[in-house]
């Protein structure tokens, strides 16, 4: 199990653990099969974007109406926001 809180230091802080993290993810049951199924159906001439969505559970809380959330961690982000961002990326 890998836990990182707050991403202190950003991506550079975990860059050296990339190989280890990939091995952990690919070690999950059926992960290689699923990764192959997804990647084999992709159009290689187009950008592929994966989105990780977290729901209000496991210590994630919904912010109060009007609360300033920039820079805060482990807050609930509405599904509609993800849909708008994905639609903008697709466009």
N, C-alpha and C. Protein backbone atom coordinates (compact mmCIF):
# COMPACT_ATOMS: atom_id res chain seq x y z
N UNK A 1 0.85 -1.18 0.00
CA UNK A 1 0.00 0.00 0.00
C UNK A 1 0.88 1.23 0.00
N UNK A 2 0.52 2.23 -0.81
CA UNK A 2 1.28 3.46 -0.91
C UNK A 2 0.39 4.61 -0.47
N UNK A 3 0.88 5.44 0.43
CA UNK A 3 0.12 6.59 0.88
C UNK A 3 0.99 7.83 0.78
N UNK A 4 0.46 8.86 0.16
CA UNK A 4 1.14 10.14 0.07
C UNK A 4 0.13 11.19 0.48
N UNK A 5 0.45 11.99 1.47
CA UNK A 5 -0.48 13.01 1.92
C UNK A 5 0.00 14.38 1.45
N UNK A 6 -0.89 15.11 0.79
CA UNK A 6 -0.62 16.49 0.44
C UNK A 6 0.33 16.70 -0.72
N UNK A 7 0.91 15.66 -1.25
CA UNK A 7 1.86 15.78 -2.36
C UNK A 7 2.92 16.83 -2.08
N UNK A 8 3.44 16.85 -0.88
CA UNK A 8 4.50 17.79 -0.54
C UNK A 8 5.65 17.58 -1.50
N UNK A 9 6.06 18.64 -2.15
CA UNK A 9 7.14 18.55 -3.12
C UNK A 9 6.67 18.25 -4.52
N UNK A 10 5.36 18.03 -4.70
CA UNK A 10 4.82 17.79 -6.03
C UNK A 10 5.31 16.48 -6.63
N UNK A 11 5.22 16.39 -7.94
CA UNK A 11 5.57 15.16 -8.65
C UNK A 11 7.03 14.78 -8.44
N UNK A 12 7.89 15.78 -8.36
CA UNK A 12 9.32 15.48 -8.18
C UNK A 12 9.59 14.68 -6.92
N UNK A 13 8.74 14.85 -5.92
CA UNK A 13 8.93 14.14 -4.65
C UNK A 13 8.71 12.64 -4.79
N UNK A 14 7.91 12.22 -5.75
CA UNK A 14 7.63 10.78 -5.92
C UNK A 14 8.21 10.21 -7.21
N UNK A 15 8.88 11.04 -7.99
CA UNK A 15 9.41 10.60 -9.29
C UNK A 15 10.29 9.36 -9.17
N UNK A 16 11.14 9.32 -8.16
CA UNK A 16 12.05 8.18 -8.03
C UNK A 16 11.31 6.89 -7.68
N UNK A 17 10.07 6.99 -7.23
CA UNK A 17 9.30 5.80 -6.86
C UNK A 17 8.43 5.30 -8.01
N UNK A 18 8.58 5.89 -9.20
CA UNK A 18 7.72 5.54 -10.33
C UNK A 18 7.70 4.05 -10.66
N UNK A 19 8.87 3.46 -10.74
CA UNK A 19 8.95 2.04 -11.08
C UNK A 19 8.27 1.18 -10.02
N UNK A 20 8.53 1.50 -8.77
CA UNK A 20 7.92 0.76 -7.67
C UNK A 20 6.39 0.90 -7.72
N UNK A 21 5.90 2.12 -7.90
CA UNK A 21 4.46 2.36 -7.95
C UNK A 21 3.81 1.63 -9.12
N UNK A 22 4.46 1.64 -10.28
CA UNK A 22 3.93 0.92 -11.44
C UNK A 22 3.86 -0.58 -11.15
N UNK A 23 4.89 -1.11 -10.51
CA UNK A 23 4.88 -2.53 -10.17
C UNK A 23 3.74 -2.86 -9.22
N UNK A 24 3.47 -1.97 -8.26
CA UNK A 24 2.36 -2.19 -7.33
C UNK A 24 1.02 -2.18 -8.06
N UNK A 25 0.84 -1.22 -8.95
CA UNK A 25 -0.41 -1.13 -9.70
C UNK A 25 -0.60 -2.33 -10.62
N UNK A 26 0.44 -2.71 -11.30
CA UNK A 26 0.34 -3.82 -12.26
C UNK A 26 0.27 -5.16 -11.55
N UNK A 27 0.60 -5.19 -10.27
CA UNK A 27 0.51 -6.43 -9.51
C UNK A 27 -0.90 -6.74 -9.04
N UNK A 28 -1.83 -5.81 -9.23
CA UNK A 28 -3.22 -6.03 -8.84
C UNK A 28 -3.85 -7.11 -9.74
N UNK A 29 -4.81 -7.84 -9.21
CA UNK A 29 -5.45 -8.89 -10.01
C UNK A 29 -6.03 -8.33 -11.31
N UNK A 30 -5.75 -8.99 -12.40
CA UNK A 30 -6.25 -8.65 -13.74
C UNK A 30 -5.80 -7.28 -14.26
N UNK A 31 -4.86 -6.62 -13.58
CA UNK A 31 -4.42 -5.29 -14.02
C UNK A 31 -3.80 -5.32 -15.41
N UNK A 32 -2.92 -6.29 -15.68
CA UNK A 32 -2.28 -6.36 -16.99
C UNK A 32 -3.30 -6.63 -18.09
N UNK A 33 -4.24 -7.53 -17.80
CA UNK A 33 -5.28 -7.85 -18.78
C UNK A 33 -6.11 -6.60 -19.08
N UNK A 34 -6.51 -5.89 -18.05
CA UNK A 34 -7.33 -4.69 -18.24
C UNK A 34 -6.55 -3.59 -18.95
N UNK A 35 -5.28 -3.42 -18.60
CA UNK A 35 -4.45 -2.42 -19.26
C UNK A 35 -4.30 -2.74 -20.74
N UNK A 36 -4.14 -4.02 -21.07
CA UNK A 36 -4.03 -4.43 -22.47
C UNK A 36 -5.34 -4.17 -23.20
N UNK A 37 -6.46 -4.54 -22.59
CA UNK A 37 -7.77 -4.33 -23.23
C UNK A 37 -7.99 -2.85 -23.55
N UNK A 38 -7.64 -1.99 -22.62
CA UNK A 38 -7.83 -0.55 -22.84
C UNK A 38 -6.86 -0.03 -23.88
N UNK A 39 -5.58 -0.34 -23.72
CA UNK A 39 -4.56 0.23 -24.61
C UNK A 39 -4.65 -0.32 -26.03
N UNK A 40 -5.12 -1.55 -26.20
CA UNK A 40 -5.19 -2.11 -27.55
C UNK A 40 -6.32 -1.48 -28.37
N UNK A 41 -7.29 -0.88 -27.70
CA UNK A 41 -8.39 -0.24 -28.41
C UNK A 41 -8.19 1.25 -28.65
N UNK A 42 -7.03 1.78 -28.27
CA UNK A 42 -6.79 3.21 -28.40
C UNK A 42 -6.33 3.60 -29.81
N UNK A 43 -6.70 4.77 -30.21
CA UNK A 43 -6.20 5.36 -31.45
C UNK A 43 -4.89 6.05 -31.11
N UNK A 44 -3.77 5.48 -31.54
CA UNK A 44 -2.44 5.98 -31.17
C UNK A 44 -2.14 7.37 -31.73
N UNK A 45 -2.97 7.86 -32.63
CA UNK A 45 -2.74 9.20 -33.17
C UNK A 45 -3.40 10.27 -32.29
N UNK A 46 -4.11 9.83 -31.23
CA UNK A 46 -4.82 10.76 -30.36
C UNK A 46 -4.26 10.67 -28.94
N UNK A 47 -4.41 11.76 -28.21
CA UNK A 47 -3.99 11.82 -26.81
C UNK A 47 -4.95 10.99 -25.96
N UNK A 48 -4.41 10.22 -25.04
CA UNK A 48 -5.21 9.42 -24.12
C UNK A 48 -5.08 10.03 -22.73
N UNK A 49 -6.19 10.33 -22.11
CA UNK A 49 -6.20 10.94 -20.78
C UNK A 49 -6.99 10.05 -19.84
N UNK A 50 -6.41 9.71 -18.69
CA UNK A 50 -7.11 8.95 -17.66
C UNK A 50 -7.44 9.91 -16.52
N UNK A 51 -8.59 9.73 -15.92
CA UNK A 51 -9.04 10.60 -14.84
C UNK A 51 -9.28 9.76 -13.60
N UNK A 52 -8.70 10.18 -12.50
CA UNK A 52 -8.91 9.50 -11.22
C UNK A 52 -9.89 10.35 -10.42
N UNK A 53 -11.06 9.79 -10.15
CA UNK A 53 -12.09 10.51 -9.39
C UNK A 53 -12.18 9.93 -7.99
N UNK A 54 -12.23 10.82 -7.01
CA UNK A 54 -12.39 10.38 -5.62
C UNK A 54 -13.72 10.91 -5.11
N UNK A 55 -14.41 10.09 -4.37
CA UNK A 55 -15.71 10.47 -3.82
C UNK A 55 -15.59 10.79 -2.34
N UNK A 56 -16.61 11.39 -1.78
CA UNK A 56 -16.61 11.83 -0.37
C UNK A 56 -16.61 10.62 0.57
N UNK A 57 -15.46 10.08 0.74
CA UNK A 57 -15.26 8.97 1.66
C UNK A 57 -13.79 8.93 2.02
N UNK A 58 -13.41 8.08 2.91
CA UNK A 58 -12.00 7.91 3.29
C UNK A 58 -11.33 9.24 3.64
N UNK A 59 -11.96 10.03 4.48
CA UNK A 59 -11.35 11.27 4.93
C UNK A 59 -11.52 12.44 3.98
N UNK A 60 -12.28 12.26 2.92
CA UNK A 60 -12.52 13.36 1.98
C UNK A 60 -13.81 14.04 2.41
N UNK A 61 -13.75 15.35 2.57
CA UNK A 61 -14.93 16.07 3.03
C UNK A 61 -15.41 17.06 1.98
N UNK A 62 -16.70 17.32 2.00
CA UNK A 62 -17.29 18.30 1.09
C UNK A 62 -17.07 19.69 1.69
N UNK A 63 -16.56 20.63 0.88
CA UNK A 63 -16.36 21.99 1.41
C UNK A 63 -17.70 22.68 1.65
N UNK A 64 -17.68 23.66 2.50
CA UNK A 64 -18.87 24.46 2.77
C UNK A 64 -19.14 25.37 1.58
N UNK A 65 -20.39 25.73 1.35
CA UNK A 65 -20.75 26.62 0.26
C UNK A 65 -19.97 27.94 0.42
N UNK A 66 -19.28 28.34 -0.64
CA UNK A 66 -18.51 29.57 -0.62
C UNK A 66 -17.14 29.45 -0.02
N UNK A 67 -16.78 28.29 0.50
CA UNK A 67 -15.46 28.09 1.12
C UNK A 67 -14.37 28.14 0.06
N UNK A 68 -13.27 28.83 0.34
CA UNK A 68 -12.13 28.91 -0.57
C UNK A 68 -11.34 27.62 -0.44
N UNK A 69 -11.23 26.85 -1.53
CA UNK A 69 -10.63 25.53 -1.44
C UNK A 69 -9.30 25.40 -2.17
N UNK A 70 -8.88 26.45 -2.87
CA UNK A 70 -7.60 26.36 -3.59
C UNK A 70 -6.47 26.03 -2.61
N UNK A 71 -5.69 25.01 -2.95
CA UNK A 71 -4.57 24.61 -2.11
C UNK A 71 -4.93 23.64 -1.00
N UNK A 72 -6.21 23.34 -0.83
CA UNK A 72 -6.61 22.39 0.21
C UNK A 72 -6.60 20.98 -0.37
N UNK A 73 -6.33 20.01 0.47
CA UNK A 73 -6.23 18.63 0.04
C UNK A 73 -7.39 17.81 0.58
N UNK A 74 -7.67 16.71 -0.09
CA UNK A 74 -8.70 15.76 0.33
C UNK A 74 -10.06 16.42 0.51
N UNK A 75 -10.47 17.15 -0.51
CA UNK A 75 -11.81 17.72 -0.52
C UNK A 75 -12.62 17.08 -1.64
N UNK A 76 -13.90 17.05 -1.47
CA UNK A 76 -14.79 16.47 -2.48
C UNK A 76 -14.89 17.41 -3.68
N UNK A 77 -14.73 16.85 -4.86
CA UNK A 77 -14.90 17.60 -6.11
C UNK A 77 -16.11 16.99 -6.82
N UNK A 78 -17.12 17.82 -7.13
CA UNK A 78 -18.34 17.28 -7.75
C UNK A 78 -18.08 16.60 -9.09
N UNK A 79 -18.82 15.54 -9.37
CA UNK A 79 -18.68 14.81 -10.62
C UNK A 79 -18.90 15.69 -11.84
N UNK A 80 -19.77 16.69 -11.71
CA UNK A 80 -20.03 17.59 -12.83
C UNK A 80 -18.77 18.33 -13.25
N UNK A 81 -17.91 18.65 -12.29
CA UNK A 81 -16.66 19.34 -12.60
C UNK A 81 -15.79 18.45 -13.48
N UNK A 82 -15.67 17.18 -13.10
CA UNK A 82 -14.89 16.24 -13.90
C UNK A 82 -15.44 16.14 -15.32
N UNK A 83 -16.76 16.07 -15.43
CA UNK A 83 -17.39 15.97 -16.76
C UNK A 83 -17.09 17.19 -17.61
N UNK A 84 -17.15 18.39 -17.00
CA UNK A 84 -16.85 19.62 -17.75
C UNK A 84 -15.39 19.64 -18.20
N UNK A 85 -14.49 19.24 -17.33
CA UNK A 85 -13.06 19.22 -17.69
C UNK A 85 -12.81 18.22 -18.80
N UNK A 86 -13.40 17.03 -18.70
CA UNK A 86 -13.21 16.01 -19.74
C UNK A 86 -13.81 16.46 -21.07
N UNK A 87 -14.96 17.13 -21.02
CA UNK A 87 -15.56 17.65 -22.26
C UNK A 87 -14.67 18.71 -22.89
N UNK A 88 -14.07 19.56 -22.05
CA UNK A 88 -13.16 20.59 -22.57
C UNK A 88 -11.92 19.95 -23.19
N UNK A 89 -11.39 18.89 -22.56
CA UNK A 89 -10.22 18.20 -23.12
C UNK A 89 -10.57 17.55 -24.45
N UNK A 90 -11.74 16.93 -24.51
CA UNK A 90 -12.16 16.27 -25.75
C UNK A 90 -12.32 17.28 -26.89
N UNK A 91 -12.86 18.45 -26.55
CA UNK A 91 -13.07 19.49 -27.55
C UNK A 91 -11.74 19.99 -28.07
